[in-house]
Amino acid sequence: MIQNIALVGCGNVGTALLEILNEKRTELSEKHGFIFRVTLISDLMKGTVLDPEGLDLNQIVIDLKEGKNLDSFPKGQGSFGELLAKSRTTMMAEATPTNLKTGEPGITHIRAALSRGIHVTTTNKGPVALAFDELATLAKSCGAKFRYEGVVMSGTPLLHMLQYGMAGCTVLKLEGILNGTTNFILSKMGETGVSYAEALEEAASLGYAEADPTGDVEGWDAAAKVSILAKLLFGKNIPVSDIDRQGITCITPEKIKAAHEHGCTVKLIAGINATNGEFYTYVTPKEISLSHPLASINGPTNAVSILTDNLGEVTLIGPGAGRIETGQALLTDLIAMRKN
């Protein structure tokens, strides 16, 4: 069966998904039985284009790489629901920017698709953090699948490992480096002794930090991921604002040097502790022993150590950001939804 794919949000991540689909079309068909057409692309800045018989994906990728908008392709008109109907969408990838205050426009996009029985994957943390119960219930009632692998560690399959690879285990504690920007900054400060401001400037110049880095450096991004993990692993509804949160703006090279002198390093740790009948969620800079698996994680890399009853401690390391890596998360979900 041919899958008709709609892409909503054609920024770095959405464009990366289109590039991967275009490059690996034959491989996806032969290895995974994944045969598809991209029939709808909708982006606030680049325009909305629609062809139920399939857009010219190769030309779209060429134009996007050249910095062009989608002006030369068939235009889509109507409400978002009408666009989904006209494009005969069977699967939607939602990759609009995260909004942790309202979850919009992602929630509206996902709600519209699921209510029509369209399978959805998203890399947008807002809808998952703010409206997971509603969207999961809607998906089930409408016979649609709702997946979100890329919302926590980009293309590194943390959620799949927790939900399927560790099925039957009880998670007792989870601690991780879930924000690549802050880890790059702290790594740079520790390696070179530069100030927080200098490390942040370099992170921005390399594209790791946004023009407004508040969401990263104040711990909001990591807190959203903790909120999502608390829900998916433990069924707990912990609003992002209720997570004990402290960012890294107070960290100085002197504090990192002092930590090194007694065999530790400083990392922004996001965690959930469910031991001894407690349930505590947090994001905070912590001194961790240099012998700990997380201590050696430098740059924009992410890692999580999970303490379980049956397997003991398991550590997963991989990219937590990146356009191609996050685009891969969308593709992984698309393939899984088709197979299931």
C-alpha atoms as a PDB file:
ATOM      1  CA  MET A   1       0.000   0.000   0.000  1.00  0.00           C
ATOM      2  CA  ILE A   2       1.321   3.426  -0.925  1.00  0.00           C
ATOM      3  CA  GLN A   3       1.503   5.837   1.998  1.00  0.00           C
ATOM      4  CA  ASN A   4       0.628   9.461   1.288  1.00  0.00           C
ATOM      5  CA  ILE A   5       2.769  11.608   3.577  1.00  0.00           C
ATOM      6  CA  ALA A   6       2.008  15.132   4.729  1.00  0.00           C
ATOM      7  CA  LEU A   7       4.820  17.223   6.195  1.00  0.00           C
ATOM      8  CA  VAL A   8       3.851  20.127   8.419  1.00  0.00           C
ATOM      9  CA  GLY A   9       6.790  22.375   9.242  1.00  0.00           C
ATOM     10  CA  CYS A  10       9.517  22.484   6.625  1.00  0.00           C
ATOM     11  CA  GLY A  11      12.368  23.975   8.618  1.00  0.00           C
ATOM     12  CA  ASN A  12      15.679  22.216   9.243  1.00  0.00           C
ATOM     13  CA  VAL A  13      14.128  18.998  10.547  1.00  0.00           C
ATOM     14  CA  GLY A  14      11.305  18.790   8.010  1.00  0.00           C
ATOM     15  CA  THR A  15      13.690  19.467   5.139  1.00  0.00           C
ATOM     16  CA  ALA A  16      16.044  16.799   6.460  1.00  0.00           C
ATOM     17  CA  LEU A  17      13.209  14.264   6.411  1.00  0.00           C
ATOM     18  CA  LEU A  18      12.476  15.112   2.770  1.00  0.00           C
ATOM     19  CA  GLU A  19      16.158  14.693   1.907  1.00  0.00           C
ATOM     20  CA  ILE A  20      16.320  11.267   3.567  1.00  0.00           C
ATOM     21  CA  LEU A  21      13.087  10.114   1.896  1.00  0.00           C
ATOM     22  CA  ASN A  22      14.355  11.265  -1.496  1.00  0.00           C
ATOM     23  CA  GLU A  23      17.784   9.693  -1.103  1.00  0.00           C
ATOM     24  CA  LYS A  24      16.622   6.362   0.313  1.00  0.00           C
ATOM     25  CA  ARG A  25      13.378   5.778  -1.578  1.00  0.00           C
ATOM     26  CA  THR A  26      14.571   2.503  -3.167  1.00  0.00           C
ATOM     27  CA  GLU A  27      16.165   1.216   0.032  1.00  0.00           C
ATOM     28  CA  LEU A  28      13.053   1.979   2.058  1.00  0.00           C
ATOM     29  CA  SER A  29      10.905   0.070  -0.403  1.00  0.00           C
ATOM     30  CA  GLU A  30      13.177  -2.966  -0.694  1.00  0.00           C
ATOM     31  CA  LYS A  31      14.176  -3.331   2.967  1.00  0.00           C
ATOM     32  CA  HIS A  32      11.089  -2.101   4.777  1.00  0.00           C
ATOM     33  CA  GLY A  33       8.252  -2.341   2.248  1.00  0.00           C
ATOM     34  CA  PHE A  34       7.776   1.397   2.769  1.00  0.00           C
ATOM     35  CA  ILE A  35       6.349   2.829  -0.459  1.00  0.00           C
ATOM     36  CA  PHE A  36       5.298   6.439  -0.270  1.00  0.00           C
ATOM     37  CA  ARG A  37       4.419   9.708  -1.930  1.00  0.00           C
ATOM     38  CA  VAL A  38       4.754  13.140  -0.337  1.00  0.00           C
ATOM     39  CA  THR A  39       1.411  14.715  -1.194  1.00  0.00           C
ATOM     40  CA  LEU A  40       1.311  17.768   1.092  1.00  0.00           C
ATOM     41  CA  ILE A  41       3.901  20.162   2.510  1.00  0.00           C
ATOM     42  CA  SER A  42       2.752  23.061   4.653  1.00  0.00           C
ATOM     43  CA  ASP A  43       5.082  25.658   6.103  1.00  0.00           C
ATOM     44  CA  LEU A  44       4.323  29.154   7.355  1.00  0.00           C
ATOM     45  CA  MET A  45       7.315  30.701   5.596  1.00  0.00           C
ATOM     46  CA  LYS A  46       7.831  28.480   2.539  1.00  0.00           C
ATOM     47  CA  GLY A  47       4.218  27.985   1.540  1.00  0.00           C
ATOM     48  CA  THR A  48       1.720  25.151   1.176  1.00  0.00           C
ATOM     49  CA  VAL A  49       1.903  22.777  -1.799  1.00  0.00           C
ATOM     50  CA  LEU A  50      -0.322  19.815  -2.582  1.00  0.00           C
ATOM     51  CA  ASP A  51      -0.600  17.053  -5.151  1.00  0.00           C
ATOM     52  CA  PRO A  52      -2.542  13.874  -4.281  1.00  0.00           C
ATOM     53  CA  GLU A  53      -0.579  12.011  -6.962  1.00  0.00           C
ATOM     54  CA  GLY A  54       2.716  12.935  -5.321  1.00  0.00           C
ATOM     55  CA  LEU A  55       4.839  16.074  -5.379  1.00  0.00           C
ATOM     56  CA  ASP A  56       8.138  16.089  -7.278  1.00  0.00           C
ATOM     57  CA  LEU A  57      10.227  15.313  -4.201  1.00  0.00           C
ATOM     58  CA  ASN A  58      13.571  15.425  -5.987  1.00  0.00           C
ATOM     59  CA  GLN A  59      12.931  18.943  -7.327  1.00  0.00           C
ATOM     60  CA  ILE A  60      11.584  20.110  -3.978  1.00  0.00           C
ATOM     61  CA  VAL A  61      14.773  18.970  -2.250  1.00  0.00           C
ATOM     62  CA  ILE A  62      16.894  20.752  -4.879  1.00  0.00           C
ATOM     63  CA  ASP A  63      14.939  23.980  -4.472  1.00  0.00           C
ATOM     64  CA  LEU A  64      15.065  23.872  -0.674  1.00  0.00           C
ATOM     65  CA  LYS A  65      18.831  23.294  -0.719  1.00  0.00           C
ATOM     66  CA  GLU A  66      19.142  26.383  -2.922  1.00  0.00           C
ATOM     67  CA  GLY A  67      17.193  28.404  -0.372  1.00  0.00           C
ATOM     68  CA  LYS A  68      14.068  28.723  -2.511  1.00  0.00           C
ATOM     69  CA  ASN A  69      10.471  28.643  -1.362  1.00  0.00           C
ATOM     70  CA  LEU A  70       7.923  26.214  -2.842  1.00  0.00           C
ATOM     71  CA  ASP A  71       6.484  28.709  -5.330  1.00  0.00           C
ATOM     72  CA  SER A  72       6.888  26.505  -8.426  1.00  0.00           C
ATOM     73  CA  PHE A  73       4.755  23.618  -7.123  1.00  0.00           C
ATOM     74  CA  PRO A  74       0.967  23.141  -7.085  1.00  0.00           C
ATOM     75  CA  LYS A  75      -0.530  25.306  -4.378  1.00  0.00           C
ATOM     76  CA  GLY A  76      -2.786  23.981  -1.635  1.00  0.00           C
ATOM     77  CA  GLN A  77      -5.827  26.013  -0.632  1.00  0.00           C
ATOM     78  CA  GLY A  78      -8.336  25.651   2.205  1.00  0.00           C
ATOM     79  CA  SER A  79      -8.396  24.918   5.915  1.00  0.00           C
ATOM     80  CA  PHE A  80      -5.881  22.493   7.350  1.00  0.00           C
ATOM     81  CA  GLY A  81      -8.498  19.748   7.494  1.00  0.00           C
ATOM     82  CA  GLU A  82      -9.404  20.373   3.859  1.00  0.00           C
ATOM     83  CA  LEU A  83      -5.734  20.165   2.893  1.00  0.00           C
ATOM     84  CA  LEU A  84      -5.420  16.780   4.589  1.00  0.00           C
ATOM     85  CA  ALA A  85      -8.498  15.533   2.748  1.00  0.00           C
ATOM     86  CA  LYS A  86      -7.462  16.874  -0.653  1.00  0.00           C
ATOM     87  CA  SER A  87      -3.971  15.394  -0.343  1.00  0.00           C
ATOM     88  CA  ARG A  88      -5.374  11.990   0.676  1.00  0.00           C
ATOM     89  CA  THR A  89      -2.891  11.944   3.545  1.00  0.00           C
ATOM     90  CA  THR A  90      -2.439   8.632   5.390  1.00  0.00           C
ATOM     91  CA  MET A  91       0.563   9.676   7.527  1.00  0.00           C
ATOM     92  CA  MET A  92       1.651  13.059   8.842  1.00  0.00           C
ATOM     93  CA  ALA A  93       5.016  14.238  10.127  1.00  0.00           C
ATOM     94  CA  GLU A  94       4.626  17.300  12.354  1.00  0.00           C
ATOM     95  CA  ALA A  95       7.826  19.313  12.771  1.00  0.00           C
ATOM     96  CA  THR A  96       6.744  22.828  13.657  1.00  0.00           C
ATOM     97  CA  PRO A  97       8.686  24.724  16.377  1.00  0.00           C
ATOM     98  CA  THR A  98       8.077  23.809  20.010  1.00  0.00           C
ATOM     99  CA  ASN A  99       5.863  26.054  22.112  1.00  0.00           C
ATOM    100  CA  LEU A 100       5.848  24.960  25.750  1.00  0.00           C
ATOM    101  CA  LYS A 101       3.223  27.518  26.768  1.00  0.00           C
ATOM    102  CA  THR A 102       0.370  26.520  24.445  1.00  0.00           C
ATOM    103  CA  GLY A 103       1.672  23.607  22.365  1.00  0.00           C
ATOM    104  CA  GLU A 104       0.415  25.397  19.276  1.00  0.00           C
ATOM    105  CA  PRO A 105       0.215  25.136  16.357  1.00  0.00           C
ATOM    106  CA  GLY A 106       1.309  21.545  16.816  1.00  0.00           C
ATOM    107  CA  ILE A 107      -1.641  20.414  18.939  1.00  0.00           C
ATOM    108  CA  THR A 108      -4.133  21.699  16.374  1.00  0.00           C
ATOM    109  CA  HIS A 109      -2.286  19.987  13.500  1.00  0.00           C
ATOM    110  CA  ILE A 110      -2.045  16.672  15.330  1.00  0.00           C
ATOM    111  CA  ARG A 111      -5.636  16.787  16.549  1.00  0.00           C
ATOM    112  CA  ALA A 112      -6.882  17.451  13.011  1.00  0.00           C
ATOM    113  CA  ALA A 113      -4.937  14.506  11.587  1.00  0.00           C
ATOM    114  CA  LEU A 114      -5.707  11.959  14.302  1.00  0.00           C
ATOM    115  CA  SER A 115      -9.431  12.778  14.231  1.00  0.00           C
ATOM    116  CA  ARG A 116      -9.403  11.732  10.550  1.00  0.00           C
ATOM    117  CA  GLY A 117      -7.643   8.438  11.263  1.00  0.00           C
ATOM    118  CA  ILE A 118      -4.308   9.727   9.959  1.00  0.00           C
ATOM    119  CA  HIS A 119      -1.212   8.340  11.660  1.00  0.00           C
ATOM    120  CA  VAL A 120       1.030  11.034  13.177  1.00  0.00           C
ATOM    121  CA  THR A 121       4.665  11.352  14.194  1.00  0.00           C
ATOM    122  CA  THR A 122       6.057  14.496  15.741  1.00  0.00           C
ATOM    123  CA  THR A 123       9.350  15.920  16.991  1.00  0.00           C
ATOM    124  CA  ASN A 124       7.483  18.774  18.664  1.00  0.00           C
ATOM    125  CA  LYS A 125       7.782  18.567  22.464  1.00  0.00           C
ATOM    126  CA  GLY A 126       4.914  20.977  23.133  1.00  0.00           C
ATOM    127  CA  PRO A 127       1.965  18.721  22.188  1.00  0.00           C
ATOM    128  CA  VAL A 128       3.465  15.697  23.939  1.00  0.00           C
ATOM    129  CA  ALA A 129       4.273  17.611  27.123  1.00  0.00           C
ATOM    130  CA  LEU A 130       0.985  19.522  27.295  1.00  0.00           C
ATOM    131  CA  ALA A 131      -1.675  17.348  25.671  1.00  0.00           C
ATOM    132  CA  PHE A 132      -0.441  13.756  25.641  1.00  0.00           C
ATOM    133  CA  ASP A 133      -3.512  12.180  27.274  1.00  0.00           C
ATOM    134  CA  GLU A 134      -5.926  13.940  24.934  1.00  0.00           C
ATOM    135  CA  LEU A 135      -3.954  13.106  21.794  1.00  0.00           C
ATOM    136  CA  ALA A 136      -3.261   9.484  22.749  1.00  0.00           C
ATOM    137  CA  THR A 137      -6.946   8.942  23.561  1.00  0.00           C
ATOM    138  CA  LEU A 138      -7.986  10.575  20.299  1.00  0.00           C
ATOM    139  CA  ALA A 139      -5.581   8.394  18.319  1.00  0.00           C
ATOM    140  CA  LYS A 140      -6.936   5.225  19.895  1.00  0.00           C
ATOM    141  CA  SER A 141     -10.572   6.192  19.374  1.00  0.00           C
ATOM    142  CA  CYS A 142      -9.962   7.031  15.707  1.00  0.00           C
ATOM    143  CA  GLY A 143      -7.821   3.996  14.881  1.00  0.00           C
ATOM    144  CA  ALA A 144      -4.705   6.090  14.279  1.00  0.00           C
ATOM    145  CA  LYS A 145      -1.154   5.726  15.553  1.00  0.00           C
ATOM    146  CA  PHE A 146       0.629   8.508  17.430  1.00  0.00           C
ATOM    147  CA  ARG A 147       4.426   8.359  17.765  1.00  0.00           C
ATOM    148  CA  TYR A 148       6.991  10.835  19.077  1.00  0.00           C
ATOM    149  CA  GLU A 149      10.435   9.191  19.233  1.00  0.00           C
ATOM    150  CA  GLY A 150      12.282  12.418  18.381  1.00  0.00           C
ATOM    151  CA  VAL A 151      10.960  14.556  21.245  1.00  0.00           C
ATOM    152  CA  VAL A 152      13.571  13.475  23.813  1.00  0.00           C
ATOM    153  CA  MET A 153      16.886  12.400  22.265  1.00  0.00           C
ATOM    154  CA  SER A 154      16.449  13.234  18.598  1.00  0.00           C
ATOM    155  CA  GLY A 155      17.273  10.155  16.525  1.00  0.00           C
ATOM    156  CA  THR A 156      18.653   8.156  19.454  1.00  0.00           C
ATOM    157  CA  PRO A 157      15.874   5.643  20.213  1.00  0.00           C
ATOM    158  CA  LEU A 158      15.492   6.201  23.957  1.00  0.00           C
ATOM    159  CA  LEU A 159      11.698   5.941  24.027  1.00  0.00           C
ATOM    160  CA  HIS A 160      11.686   2.747  21.961  1.00  0.00           C
ATOM    161  CA  MET A 161      14.299   1.210  24.239  1.00  0.00           C
ATOM    162  CA  LEU A 162      12.364   2.119  27.382  1.00  0.00           C
ATOM    163  CA  GLN A 163       8.961   1.020  26.091  1.00  0.00           C
ATOM    164  CA  TYR A 164       9.964  -2.119  24.180  1.00  0.00           C
ATOM    165  CA  GLY A 165      13.606  -3.075  24.727  1.00  0.00           C
ATOM    166  CA  MET A 166      13.181  -2.881  28.509  1.00  0.00           C
ATOM    167  CA  ALA A 167       9.604  -4.156  28.687  1.00  0.00           C
ATOM    168  CA  GLY A 168       9.054  -5.919  32.011  1.00  0.00           C
ATOM    169  CA  CYS A 169      11.726  -3.909  33.817  1.00  0.00           C
ATOM    170  CA  THR A 170      10.798  -1.481  36.565  1.00  0.00           C
ATOM    171  CA  VAL A 171      12.649   1.796  36.176  1.00  0.00           C
ATOM    172  CA  LEU A 172      13.867   3.004  39.552  1.00  0.00           C
ATOM    173  CA  LYS A 173      15.894   6.012  38.551  1.00  0.00           C
ATOM    174  CA  LEU A 174      16.785   7.901  35.402  1.00  0.00           C
ATOM    175  CA  GLU A 175      19.501  10.526  35.054  1.00  0.00           C
ATOM    176  CA  GLY A 176      20.717  12.055  31.847  1.00  0.00           C
ATOM    177  CA  ILE A 177      22.197  14.819  29.785  1.00  0.00           C
ATOM    178  CA  LEU A 178      19.178  15.762  27.693  1.00  0.00           C
ATOM    179  CA  ASN A 179      20.222  19.144  26.312  1.00  0.00           C
ATOM    180  CA  GLY A 180      23.113  19.333  23.892  1.00  0.00           C
ATOM    181  CA  THR A 181      23.518  23.110  24.037  1.00  0.00           C
ATOM    182  CA  THR A 182      24.202  23.234  27.766  1.00  0.00           C
ATOM    183  CA  ASN A 183      26.451  20.193  27.595  1.00  0.00           C
ATOM    184  CA  PHE A 184      28.527  21.872  24.876  1.00  0.00           C
ATOM    185  CA  ILE A 185      28.841  25.019  27.007  1.00  0.00           C
ATOM    186  CA  LEU A 186      29.867  23.159  30.168  1.00  0.00           C
ATOM    187  CA  SER A 187      32.275  20.943  28.216  1.00  0.00           C
ATOM    188  CA  LYS A 188      33.935  23.983  26.647  1.00  0.00           C
ATOM    189  CA  MET A 189      34.246  25.728  30.013  1.00  0.00           C
ATOM    190  CA  GLY A 190      35.821  22.636  31.546  1.00  0.00           C
ATOM    191  CA  GLU A 191      38.220  21.968  28.691  1.00  0.00           C
ATOM    192  CA  THR A 192      39.461  25.508  28.064  1.00  0.00           C
ATOM    193  CA  GLY A 193      38.569  27.530  31.150  1.00  0.00           C
ATOM    194  CA  VAL A 194      36.576  30.097  29.170  1.00  0.00           C
ATOM    195  CA  SER A 195      33.689  31.933  30.822  1.00  0.00           C
ATOM    196  CA  TYR A 196      30.056  30.994  30.476  1.00  0.00           C
ATOM    197  CA  ALA A 197      29.479  33.978  28.178  1.00  0.00           C
ATOM    198  CA  GLU A 198      32.375  32.997  25.895  1.00  0.00           C
ATOM    199  CA  ALA A 199      31.242  29.374  25.698  1.00  0.00           C
ATOM    200  CA  LEU A 200      27.679  30.476  24.933  1.00  0.00           C
ATOM    201  CA  GLU A 201      28.937  32.749  22.146  1.00  0.00           C
ATOM    202  CA  GLU A 202      30.814  29.842  20.561  1.00  0.00           C
ATOM    203  CA  ALA A 203      27.753  27.587  20.885  1.00  0.00           C
ATOM    204  CA  ALA A 204      25.711  30.214  19.055  1.00  0.00           C
ATOM    205  CA  SER A 205      28.322  30.587  16.301  1.00  0.00           C
ATOM    206  CA  LEU A 206      28.238  26.812  15.702  1.00  0.00           C
ATOM    207  CA  GLY A 207      24.458  26.702  15.598  1.00  0.00           C
ATOM    208  CA  TYR A 208      24.035  24.836  18.890  1.00  0.00           C
ATOM    209  CA  ALA A 209      22.413  27.782  20.689  1.00  0.00           C
ATOM    210  CA  GLU A 210      19.399  29.779  19.534  1.00  0.00           C
ATOM    211  CA  ALA A 211      19.372  33.568  19.248  1.00  0.00           C
ATOM    212  CA  ASP A 212      17.436  33.445  22.534  1.00  0.00           C
ATOM    213  CA  PRO A 213      19.062  30.557  24.453  1.00  0.00           C
ATOM    214  CA  THR A 214      16.830  30.874  27.534  1.00  0.00           C
ATOM    215  CA  GLY A 215      14.944  27.631  26.883  1.00  0.00           C
ATOM    216  CA  ASP A 216      18.212  25.701  26.924  1.00  0.00           C
ATOM    217  CA  VAL A 217      20.400  27.452  29.496  1.00  0.00           C
ATOM    218  CA  GLU A 218      17.605  27.916  32.045  1.00  0.00           C
ATOM    219  CA  GLY A 219      16.710  24.228  31.822  1.00  0.00           C
ATOM    220  CA  TRP A 220      13.239  24.540  30.268  1.00  0.00           C
ATOM    221  CA  ASP A 221      14.020  22.243  27.333  1.00  0.00           C
ATOM    222  CA  ALA A 222      15.381  19.516  29.604  1.00  0.00           C
ATOM    223  CA  ALA A 223      12.434  19.972  31.982  1.00  0.00           C
ATOM    224  CA  ALA A 224       9.980  19.386  29.133  1.00  0.00           C
ATOM    225  CA  LYS A 225      11.738  16.127  28.355  1.00  0.00           C
ATOM    226  CA  VAL A 226      11.578  15.075  32.008  1.00  0.00           C
ATOM    227  CA  SER A 227       7.843  15.834  31.999  1.00  0.00           C
ATOM    228  CA  ILE A 228       7.399  13.631  28.931  1.00  0.00           C
ATOM    229  CA  LEU A 229       9.426  10.769  30.428  1.00  0.00           C
ATOM    230  CA  ALA A 230       7.489  10.976  33.701  1.00  0.00           C
ATOM    231  CA  LYS A 231       4.267  10.513  31.751  1.00  0.00           C
ATOM    232  CA  LEU A 232       5.437   7.771  29.416  1.00  0.00           C
ATOM    233  CA  LEU A 233       7.327   5.731  32.024  1.00  0.00           C
ATOM    234  CA  PHE A 234       5.315   6.275  35.171  1.00  0.00           C
ATOM    235  CA  GLY A 235       1.952   7.676  34.055  1.00  0.00           C
ATOM    236  CA  LYS A 236       2.608  10.829  36.085  1.00  0.00           C
ATOM    237  CA  ASN A 237       1.286  14.190  34.931  1.00  0.00           C
ATOM    238  CA  ILE A 238       4.060  16.557  36.021  1.00  0.00           C
ATOM    239  CA  PRO A 239       3.727  20.016  34.444  1.00  0.00           C
ATOM    240  CA  VAL A 240       6.994  21.466  33.217  1.00  0.00           C
ATOM    241  CA  SER A 241       6.602  24.349  35.670  1.00  0.00           C
ATOM    242  CA  ASP A 242       6.441  21.882  38.611  1.00  0.00           C
ATOM    243  CA  ILE A 243       9.807  20.272  37.899  1.00  0.00           C
ATOM    244  CA  ASP A 244      12.582  21.377  40.259  1.00  0.00           C
ATOM    245  CA  ARG A 245      14.663  23.323  37.754  1.00  0.00           C
ATOM    246  CA  GLN A 246      17.906  25.277  37.753  1.00  0.00           C
ATOM    247  CA  GLY A 247      19.917  26.271  34.687  1.00  0.00           C
ATOM    248  CA  ILE A 248      23.631  26.739  34.113  1.00  0.00           C
ATOM    249  CA  THR A 249      23.947  30.535  34.103  1.00  0.00           C
ATOM    250  CA  CYS A 250      25.376  30.387  37.636  1.00  0.00           C
ATOM    251  CA  ILE A 251      28.220  28.035  36.672  1.00  0.00           C
ATOM    252  CA  THR A 252      31.705  29.552  36.497  1.00  0.00           C
ATOM    253  CA  PRO A 253      35.054  28.122  35.359  1.00  0.00           C
ATOM    254  CA  GLU A 254      36.102  28.263  39.015  1.00  0.00           C
ATOM    255  CA  LYS A 255      33.250  25.958  40.058  1.00  0.00           C
ATOM    256  CA  ILE A 256      34.158  23.486  37.336  1.00  0.00           C
ATOM    257  CA  LYS A 257      37.840  23.611  38.302  1.00  0.00           C
ATOM    258  CA  ALA A 258      36.973  23.003  41.952  1.00  0.00           C
ATOM    259  CA  ALA A 259      34.872  19.986  40.954  1.00  0.00           C
ATOM    260  CA  HIS A 260      37.785  18.580  38.925  1.00  0.00           C
ATOM    261  CA  GLU A 261      40.085  18.907  41.919  1.00  0.00           C
ATOM    262  CA  HIS A 262      38.060  16.351  43.865  1.00  0.00           C
ATOM    263  CA  GLY A 263      37.470  13.967  40.973  1.00  0.00           C
ATOM    264  CA  CYS A 264      34.209  15.306  39.578  1.00  0.00           C
ATOM    265  CA  THR A 265      32.850  17.254  36.647  1.00  0.00           C
ATOM    266  CA  VAL A 266      29.779  19.454  36.282  1.00  0.00           C
ATOM    267  CA  LYS A 267      26.871  18.474  34.043  1.00  0.00           C
ATOM    268  CA  LEU A 268      23.287  19.701  33.683  1.00  0.00           C
ATOM    269  CA  ILE A 269      21.472  16.581  34.837  1.00  0.00           C
ATOM    270  CA  ALA A 270      17.816  15.889  34.130  1.00  0.00           C
ATOM    271  CA  GLY A 271      16.382  13.158  36.274  1.00  0.00           C
ATOM    272  CA  ILE A 272      13.562  11.158  37.766  1.00  0.00           C
ATOM    273  CA  ASN A 273      13.968   9.324  41.077  1.00  0.00           C
ATOM    274  CA  ALA A 274      11.323   6.739  41.857  1.00  0.00           C
ATOM    275  CA  THR A 275      13.164   4.792  44.568  1.00  0.00           C
ATOM    276  CA  ASN A 276      12.006   4.164  48.135  1.00  0.00           C
ATOM    277  CA  GLY A 277       8.451   5.214  47.392  1.00  0.00           C
ATOM    278  CA  GLU A 278       9.507   8.709  46.343  1.00  0.00           C
ATOM    279  CA  PHE A 279       8.906  10.441  43.033  1.00  0.00           C
ATOM    280  CA  TYR A 280      11.118  13.404  42.378  1.00  0.00           C
ATOM    281  CA  THR A 281      11.775  15.181  39.067  1.00  0.00           C
ATOM    282  CA  TYR A 282      14.540  17.693  38.541  1.00  0.00           C
ATOM    283  CA  VAL A 283      16.906  19.520  36.209  1.00  0.00           C
ATOM    284  CA  THR A 284      19.993  20.928  37.874  1.00  0.00           C
ATOM    285  CA  PRO A 285      23.774  21.324  37.474  1.00  0.00           C
ATOM    286  CA  LYS A 286      25.387  18.494  39.426  1.00  0.00           C
ATOM    287  CA  GLU A 287      28.873  17.400  40.289  1.00  0.00           C
ATOM    288  CA  ILE A 288      29.261  13.823  39.127  1.00  0.00           C
ATOM    289  CA  SER A 289      32.210  11.505  39.612  1.00  0.00           C
ATOM    290  CA  LEU A 290      34.620  11.207  36.716  1.00  0.00           C
ATOM    291  CA  SER A 291      34.030   7.445  36.885  1.00  0.00           C
ATOM    292  CA  HIS A 292      30.310   7.865  36.121  1.00  0.00           C
ATOM    293  CA  PRO A 293      29.250   7.016  32.525  1.00  0.00           C
ATOM    294  CA  LEU A 294      27.806  10.518  32.043  1.00  0.00           C
ATOM    295  CA  ALA A 295      31.055  12.275  32.991  1.00  0.00           C
ATOM    296  CA  SER A 296      32.738  11.537  29.665  1.00  0.00           C
ATOM    297  CA  ILE A 297      29.859  12.848  27.543  1.00  0.00           C
ATOM    298  CA  ASN A 298      31.080  16.072  25.965  1.00  0.00           C
ATOM    299  CA  GLY A 299      29.896  18.478  23.287  1.00  0.00           C
ATOM    300  CA  PRO A 300      26.292  18.382  22.052  1.00  0.00           C
ATOM    301  CA  THR A 301      25.928  14.633  22.693  1.00  0.00           C
ATOM    302  CA  ASN A 302      23.138  13.326  24.933  1.00  0.00           C
ATOM    303  CA  ALA A 303      23.177  10.339  27.280  1.00  0.00           C
ATOM    304  CA  VAL A 304      20.859   8.709  29.804  1.00  0.00           C
ATOM    305  CA  SER A 305      21.611   6.195  32.568  1.00  0.00           C
ATOM    306  CA  ILE A 306      18.584   4.135  33.605  1.00  0.00           C
ATOM    307  CA  LEU A 307      18.576   2.097  36.823  1.00  0.00           C
ATOM    308  CA  THR A 308      16.228  -0.897  36.639  1.00  0.00           C
ATOM    309  CA  ASP A 309      15.390  -3.905  38.780  1.00  0.00           C
ATOM    310  CA  ASN A 310      16.149  -6.610  36.212  1.00  0.00           C
ATOM    311  CA  LEU A 311      19.000  -5.105  34.189  1.00  0.00           C
ATOM    312  CA  GLY A 312      20.745  -2.912  36.721  1.00  0.00           C
ATOM    313  CA  GLU A 313      22.100   0.270  35.151  1.00  0.00           C
ATOM    314  CA  VAL A 314      21.843   0.755  31.380  1.00  0.00           C
ATOM    315  CA  THR A 315      23.363   3.781  29.645  1.00  0.00           C
ATOM    316  CA  LEU A 316      22.331   5.000  26.188  1.00  0.00           C
ATOM    317  CA  ILE A 317      24.522   7.533  24.367  1.00  0.00           C
ATOM    318  CA  GLY A 318      23.773   9.283  21.090  1.00  0.00           C
ATOM    319  CA  PRO A 319      22.944  12.516  19.313  1.00  0.00           C
ATOM    320  CA  GLY A 320      20.347  14.636  21.055  1.00  0.00           C
ATOM    321  CA  ALA A 321      20.015  17.212  18.307  1.00  0.00           C
ATOM    322  CA  GLY A 322      20.805  17.788  14.645  1.00  0.00           C
ATOM    323  CA  ARG A 323      18.664  18.177  11.569  1.00  0.00           C
ATOM    324  CA  ILE A 324      19.445  14.806   9.978  1.00  0.00           C
ATOM    325  CA  GLU A 325      19.343  12.974  13.314  1.00  0.00           C
ATOM    326  CA  THR A 326      15.928  14.402  14.179  1.00  0.00           C
ATOM    327  CA  GLY A 327      14.674  13.803  10.657  1.00  0.00           C
ATOM    328  CA  GLN A 328      15.697  10.183  11.137  1.00  0.00           C
ATOM    329  CA  ALA A 329      13.459  10.011  14.220  1.00  0.00           C
ATOM    330  CA  LEU A 330      10.484  10.994  12.054  1.00  0.00           C
ATOM    331  CA  LEU A 331      11.419   8.378   9.466  1.00  0.00           C
ATOM    332  CA  THR A 332      11.777   5.666  12.123  1.00  0.00           C
ATOM    333  CA  ASP A 333       8.264   6.414  13.325  1.00  0.00           C
ATOM    334  CA  LEU A 334       6.834   6.479   9.799  1.00  0.00           C
ATOM    335  CA  ILE A 335       8.283   3.046   9.062  1.00  0.00           C
ATOM    336  CA  ALA A 336       7.084   1.653  12.402  1.00  0.00           C
ATOM    337  CA  MET A 337       3.560   2.961  11.826  1.00  0.00           C
ATOM    338  CA  ARG A 338       3.467   1.350   8.406  1.00  0.00           C
ATOM    339  CA  LYS A 339       4.718  -2.009   9.734  1.00  0.00           C
ATOM    340  CA  ASN A 340       2.336  -2.059  12.676  1.00  0.00           C
END
